[in-house]
Amino acid sequence: MPIYEYQCESCGHALEALQRLSDPLLVDCPACNKPALKKQISAAGFRLKGGGWYETDFKSGNKKNLAGDASGGASTSSPASAPAAASPAPKAKAAE
């Protein structure tokens, strides 16, 4: 559901309203009660509500970016604690 911004042309009061796309535009100012509200042009804001698609739904392994989760995404370890690059292990000879 989009969040629209309105401003009263009479008193200058500004407000945000959570409305459906099919809802009529607001016209009455809650501050001065005059029919002078005009919808402002702004970046679209919206709220995800209920079940559905979230950022983690289509990611796997360490690619999930969970809020407050330090283990997902970027590595936070320092170079001193990172494991050293190992040389390839010698291949064992197959038994003949």
N, C-alpha and C. Protein backbone atom coordinates (compact mmCIF):
# COMPACT_ATOMS: atom_id res chain seq x y z
N MET A 1 0.84 -1.16 0.00
CA MET A 1 0.00 0.00 0.00
C MET A 1 0.90 1.24 0.00
N PRO A 2 0.67 2.17 -0.93
CA PRO A 2 1.52 3.37 -1.00
C PRO A 2 1.24 4.36 0.12
N ILE A 3 2.26 5.12 0.45
CA ILE A 3 2.16 6.19 1.43
C ILE A 3 2.27 7.50 0.65
N TYR A 4 1.21 8.30 0.68
CA TYR A 4 1.17 9.56 -0.06
C TYR A 4 1.43 10.73 0.87
N GLU A 5 2.04 11.78 0.33
CA GLU A 5 2.28 13.01 1.07
C GLU A 5 1.31 14.08 0.58
N TYR A 6 0.74 14.80 1.52
CA TYR A 6 -0.18 15.89 1.22
C TYR A 6 0.29 17.15 1.93
N GLN A 7 -0.08 18.31 1.37
CA GLN A 7 0.18 19.58 2.02
C GLN A 7 -1.02 20.50 1.78
N CYS A 8 -1.42 21.20 2.84
CA CYS A 8 -2.56 22.12 2.77
C CYS A 8 -2.09 23.43 2.15
N GLU A 9 -2.81 23.88 1.12
CA GLU A 9 -2.47 25.15 0.49
C GLU A 9 -2.93 26.34 1.32
N SER A 10 -3.80 26.10 2.27
CA SER A 10 -4.34 27.18 3.10
C SER A 10 -3.44 27.46 4.31
N CYS A 11 -3.14 26.42 5.10
CA CYS A 11 -2.37 26.64 6.33
C CYS A 11 -0.95 26.08 6.27
N GLY A 12 -0.61 25.30 5.23
CA GLY A 12 0.74 24.76 5.10
C GLY A 12 0.98 23.45 5.85
N HIS A 13 -0.06 22.91 6.50
CA HIS A 13 0.08 21.65 7.24
C HIS A 13 0.45 20.52 6.28
N ALA A 14 1.43 19.70 6.65
CA ALA A 14 1.86 18.56 5.83
C ALA A 14 1.53 17.27 6.56
N LEU A 15 1.14 16.24 5.80
CA LEU A 15 0.83 14.94 6.39
C LEU A 15 1.10 13.83 5.40
N GLU A 16 1.22 12.63 5.93
CA GLU A 16 1.36 11.42 5.12
C GLU A 16 0.14 10.56 5.35
N ALA A 17 -0.32 9.89 4.28
CA ALA A 17 -1.51 9.04 4.40
C ALA A 17 -1.24 7.71 3.71
N LEU A 18 -1.55 6.62 4.40
CA LEU A 18 -1.45 5.28 3.86
C LEU A 18 -2.77 4.98 3.17
N GLN A 19 -2.73 4.89 1.81
CA GLN A 19 -3.95 4.72 1.04
C GLN A 19 -3.77 3.66 -0.03
N ARG A 20 -4.86 3.04 -0.42
CA ARG A 20 -4.84 2.13 -1.56
C ARG A 20 -4.80 2.96 -2.84
N LEU A 21 -4.37 2.33 -3.92
CA LEU A 21 -4.34 3.02 -5.20
C LEU A 21 -5.75 3.44 -5.63
N SER A 22 -6.75 2.67 -5.26
CA SER A 22 -8.12 2.95 -5.66
C SER A 22 -8.83 3.96 -4.75
N ASP A 23 -8.22 4.34 -3.62
CA ASP A 23 -8.84 5.30 -2.71
C ASP A 23 -8.85 6.69 -3.32
N PRO A 24 -9.90 7.48 -3.04
CA PRO A 24 -9.92 8.86 -3.55
C PRO A 24 -8.88 9.71 -2.82
N LEU A 25 -8.41 10.78 -3.48
CA LEU A 25 -7.45 11.69 -2.86
C LEU A 25 -8.10 12.41 -1.68
N LEU A 26 -7.29 12.71 -0.67
CA LEU A 26 -7.78 13.47 0.47
C LEU A 26 -7.90 14.94 0.06
N VAL A 27 -8.92 15.64 0.56
CA VAL A 27 -9.08 17.05 0.24
C VAL A 27 -9.21 17.92 1.48
N ASP A 28 -9.74 17.39 2.59
CA ASP A 28 -9.96 18.18 3.80
C ASP A 28 -8.74 18.12 4.72
N CYS A 29 -8.23 19.30 5.07
CA CYS A 29 -7.07 19.40 5.96
C CYS A 29 -7.50 19.10 7.39
N PRO A 30 -6.78 18.21 8.09
CA PRO A 30 -7.14 17.91 9.49
C PRO A 30 -6.79 19.06 10.44
N ALA A 31 -5.92 19.97 10.04
CA ALA A 31 -5.52 21.07 10.92
C ALA A 31 -6.49 22.25 10.85
N CYS A 32 -6.87 22.67 9.62
CA CYS A 32 -7.72 23.85 9.49
C CYS A 32 -9.12 23.53 8.97
N ASN A 33 -9.37 22.26 8.64
CA ASN A 33 -10.67 21.77 8.14
C ASN A 33 -11.12 22.42 6.83
N LYS A 34 -10.21 22.98 6.06
CA LYS A 34 -10.55 23.56 4.76
C LYS A 34 -10.24 22.54 3.67
N PRO A 35 -11.00 22.54 2.57
CA PRO A 35 -10.74 21.60 1.47
C PRO A 35 -9.60 22.08 0.58
N ALA A 36 -8.39 22.12 1.14
CA ALA A 36 -7.25 22.68 0.42
C ALA A 36 -6.04 21.74 0.36
N LEU A 37 -6.22 20.43 0.61
CA LEU A 37 -5.09 19.50 0.54
C LEU A 37 -4.73 19.20 -0.90
N LYS A 38 -3.44 19.19 -1.18
CA LYS A 38 -2.93 18.81 -2.50
C LYS A 38 -1.89 17.72 -2.32
N LYS A 39 -1.97 16.71 -3.18
CA LYS A 39 -1.00 15.61 -3.12
C LYS A 39 0.35 16.10 -3.64
N GLN A 40 1.40 15.78 -2.91
CA GLN A 40 2.75 16.19 -3.28
C GLN A 40 3.40 15.13 -4.16
N ILE A 41 4.30 15.55 -5.01
CA ILE A 41 5.09 14.61 -5.81
C ILE A 41 6.33 14.28 -4.99
N SER A 42 6.51 13.01 -4.68
CA SER A 42 7.63 12.58 -3.84
C SER A 42 8.01 11.15 -4.21
N ALA A 43 9.07 10.68 -3.62
CA ALA A 43 9.48 9.29 -3.82
C ALA A 43 8.41 8.38 -3.23
N ALA A 44 8.09 7.35 -3.96
CA ALA A 44 7.03 6.43 -3.50
C ALA A 44 7.49 5.69 -2.26
N GLY A 45 6.64 5.64 -1.27
CA GLY A 45 6.89 4.86 -0.07
C GLY A 45 5.82 3.80 0.03
N PHE A 46 6.16 2.63 0.55
CA PHE A 46 5.18 1.58 0.69
C PHE A 46 5.53 0.71 1.88
N ARG A 47 4.57 -0.08 2.31
CA ARG A 47 4.77 -0.95 3.47
C ARG A 47 4.44 -2.38 3.05
N LEU A 48 5.37 -3.29 3.34
CA LEU A 48 5.11 -4.71 3.09
C LEU A 48 4.31 -5.23 4.28
N LYS A 49 3.19 -5.87 3.98
CA LYS A 49 2.30 -6.30 5.05
C LYS A 49 1.91 -7.75 4.82
N GLY A 50 1.93 -8.55 5.87
CA GLY A 50 1.48 -9.93 5.76
C GLY A 50 2.52 -10.84 5.15
N GLY A 51 2.08 -12.03 4.77
CA GLY A 51 2.98 -13.01 4.18
C GLY A 51 3.30 -12.64 2.75
N GLY A 52 4.36 -13.18 2.24
CA GLY A 52 4.71 -12.88 0.86
C GLY A 52 6.20 -12.94 0.65
N TRP A 53 6.65 -12.26 -0.38
CA TRP A 53 8.05 -12.27 -0.77
C TRP A 53 8.86 -11.35 0.13
N TYR A 54 9.98 -11.84 0.57
CA TYR A 54 10.93 -11.04 1.34
C TYR A 54 12.31 -11.23 0.74
N GLU A 55 13.27 -10.42 1.18
CA GLU A 55 14.61 -10.44 0.61
C GLU A 55 15.27 -11.81 0.70
N THR A 56 14.99 -12.56 1.74
CA THR A 56 15.68 -13.84 1.94
C THR A 56 15.04 -15.01 1.21
N ASP A 57 13.90 -14.82 0.58
CA ASP A 57 13.18 -15.94 -0.02
C ASP A 57 13.94 -16.65 -1.15
N PHE A 58 14.68 -15.92 -1.96
CA PHE A 58 15.33 -16.53 -3.11
C PHE A 58 16.85 -16.55 -3.00
N LYS A 59 17.36 -16.44 -1.81
CA LYS A 59 18.81 -16.49 -1.61
C LYS A 59 19.15 -17.74 -0.81
N SER A 60 20.34 -18.24 -1.00
CA SER A 60 20.74 -19.45 -0.29
C SER A 60 22.09 -19.25 0.38
N GLY A 61 22.37 -20.10 1.32
CA GLY A 61 23.67 -20.10 1.99
C GLY A 61 23.96 -18.80 2.71
N ASN A 62 25.18 -18.27 2.51
CA ASN A 62 25.61 -17.05 3.20
C ASN A 62 25.16 -15.78 2.50
N LYS A 63 24.35 -15.88 1.46
CA LYS A 63 23.91 -14.70 0.73
C LYS A 63 22.71 -14.02 1.37
N LYS A 64 22.11 -14.62 2.39
CA LYS A 64 20.95 -14.03 3.04
C LYS A 64 21.38 -12.84 3.88
N ASN A 65 20.69 -11.72 3.74
CA ASN A 65 20.97 -10.51 4.52
C ASN A 65 19.88 -10.35 5.57
N LEU A 66 20.08 -10.94 6.71
CA LEU A 66 19.10 -10.84 7.78
C LEU A 66 19.47 -9.68 8.68
N ALA A 67 18.49 -8.87 9.06
CA ALA A 67 18.75 -7.72 9.93
C ALA A 67 19.32 -8.21 11.26
N GLY A 68 20.44 -7.65 11.66
CA GLY A 68 21.05 -8.01 12.93
C GLY A 68 21.83 -9.31 12.91
N ASP A 69 21.95 -9.94 11.74
CA ASP A 69 22.66 -11.21 11.62
C ASP A 69 24.05 -10.93 11.05
N ALA A 70 25.08 -11.06 11.86
CA ALA A 70 26.45 -10.78 11.42
C ALA A 70 27.02 -11.89 10.57
N SER A 71 26.39 -13.08 10.57
CA SER A 71 26.96 -14.20 9.83
C SER A 71 26.60 -14.18 8.36
N GLY A 72 25.56 -13.48 7.97
CA GLY A 72 25.14 -13.47 6.57
C GLY A 72 25.84 -12.39 5.78
N GLY A 73 26.10 -12.68 4.51
CA GLY A 73 26.65 -11.65 3.61
C GLY A 73 28.14 -11.49 3.77
N ALA A 74 28.60 -10.26 4.07
CA ALA A 74 30.01 -9.92 4.09
C ALA A 74 30.72 -10.57 5.27
N SER A 75 31.99 -10.84 5.06
CA SER A 75 32.80 -11.45 6.10
C SER A 75 33.24 -10.38 7.09
N THR A 76 33.18 -10.69 8.36
CA THR A 76 33.59 -9.73 9.39
C THR A 76 34.88 -10.15 10.06
N SER A 77 35.53 -11.21 9.58
CA SER A 77 36.76 -11.67 10.23
C SER A 77 37.94 -10.83 9.77
N SER A 78 38.92 -10.69 10.64
CA SER A 78 40.12 -9.93 10.31
C SER A 78 41.08 -10.84 9.56
N PRO A 79 42.02 -10.25 8.80
CA PRO A 79 42.97 -11.07 8.05
C PRO A 79 43.80 -12.00 8.93
N ALA A 80 44.08 -11.59 10.17
CA ALA A 80 44.90 -12.42 11.05
C ALA A 80 44.16 -13.70 11.45
N SER A 81 42.83 -13.64 11.55
CA SER A 81 42.09 -14.82 11.96
C SER A 81 41.59 -15.64 10.78
N ALA A 82 41.77 -15.13 9.57
CA ALA A 82 41.32 -15.86 8.39
C ALA A 82 42.25 -17.05 8.15
N PRO A 83 41.70 -18.18 7.68
CA PRO A 83 42.56 -19.32 7.42
C PRO A 83 43.51 -19.02 6.27
N ALA A 84 44.73 -19.55 6.39
CA ALA A 84 45.72 -19.33 5.35
C ALA A 84 45.33 -20.12 4.11
N ALA A 85 45.71 -19.58 2.96
CA ALA A 85 45.41 -20.27 1.71
C ALA A 85 46.23 -21.55 1.66
N ALA A 86 45.56 -22.65 1.52
CA ALA A 86 46.25 -23.95 1.51
C ALA A 86 46.66 -24.29 0.09
N SER A 87 47.83 -24.91 -0.02
CA SER A 87 48.25 -25.37 -1.34
C SER A 87 47.46 -26.64 -1.67
N PRO A 88 47.28 -26.93 -2.94
CA PRO A 88 46.50 -28.11 -3.30
C PRO A 88 47.10 -29.37 -2.68
N ALA A 89 46.23 -30.23 -2.20
CA ALA A 89 46.68 -31.48 -1.58
C ALA A 89 47.24 -32.39 -2.68
N PRO A 90 48.32 -33.10 -2.35
CA PRO A 90 48.87 -34.02 -3.35
C PRO A 90 47.87 -35.13 -3.65
N LYS A 91 47.76 -35.48 -4.91
CA LYS A 91 46.82 -36.50 -5.31
C LYS A 91 47.37 -37.89 -4.95
N ALA A 92 46.52 -38.72 -4.42
CA ALA A 92 46.93 -40.08 -4.07
C ALA A 92 46.97 -40.91 -5.34
N LYS A 93 47.94 -41.78 -5.43
CA LYS A 93 48.04 -42.66 -6.60
C LYS A 93 46.97 -43.73 -6.52
N ALA A 94 46.33 -43.94 -7.62
CA ALA A 94 45.30 -44.96 -7.66
C ALA A 94 45.93 -46.35 -7.57
N ALA A 95 45.29 -47.25 -6.84
CA ALA A 95 45.78 -48.61 -6.70
C ALA A 95 45.63 -49.33 -8.03
N GLU A 96 46.71 -50.00 -8.45
CA GLU A 96 46.67 -50.71 -9.73
C GLU A 96 46.41 -52.15 -9.57
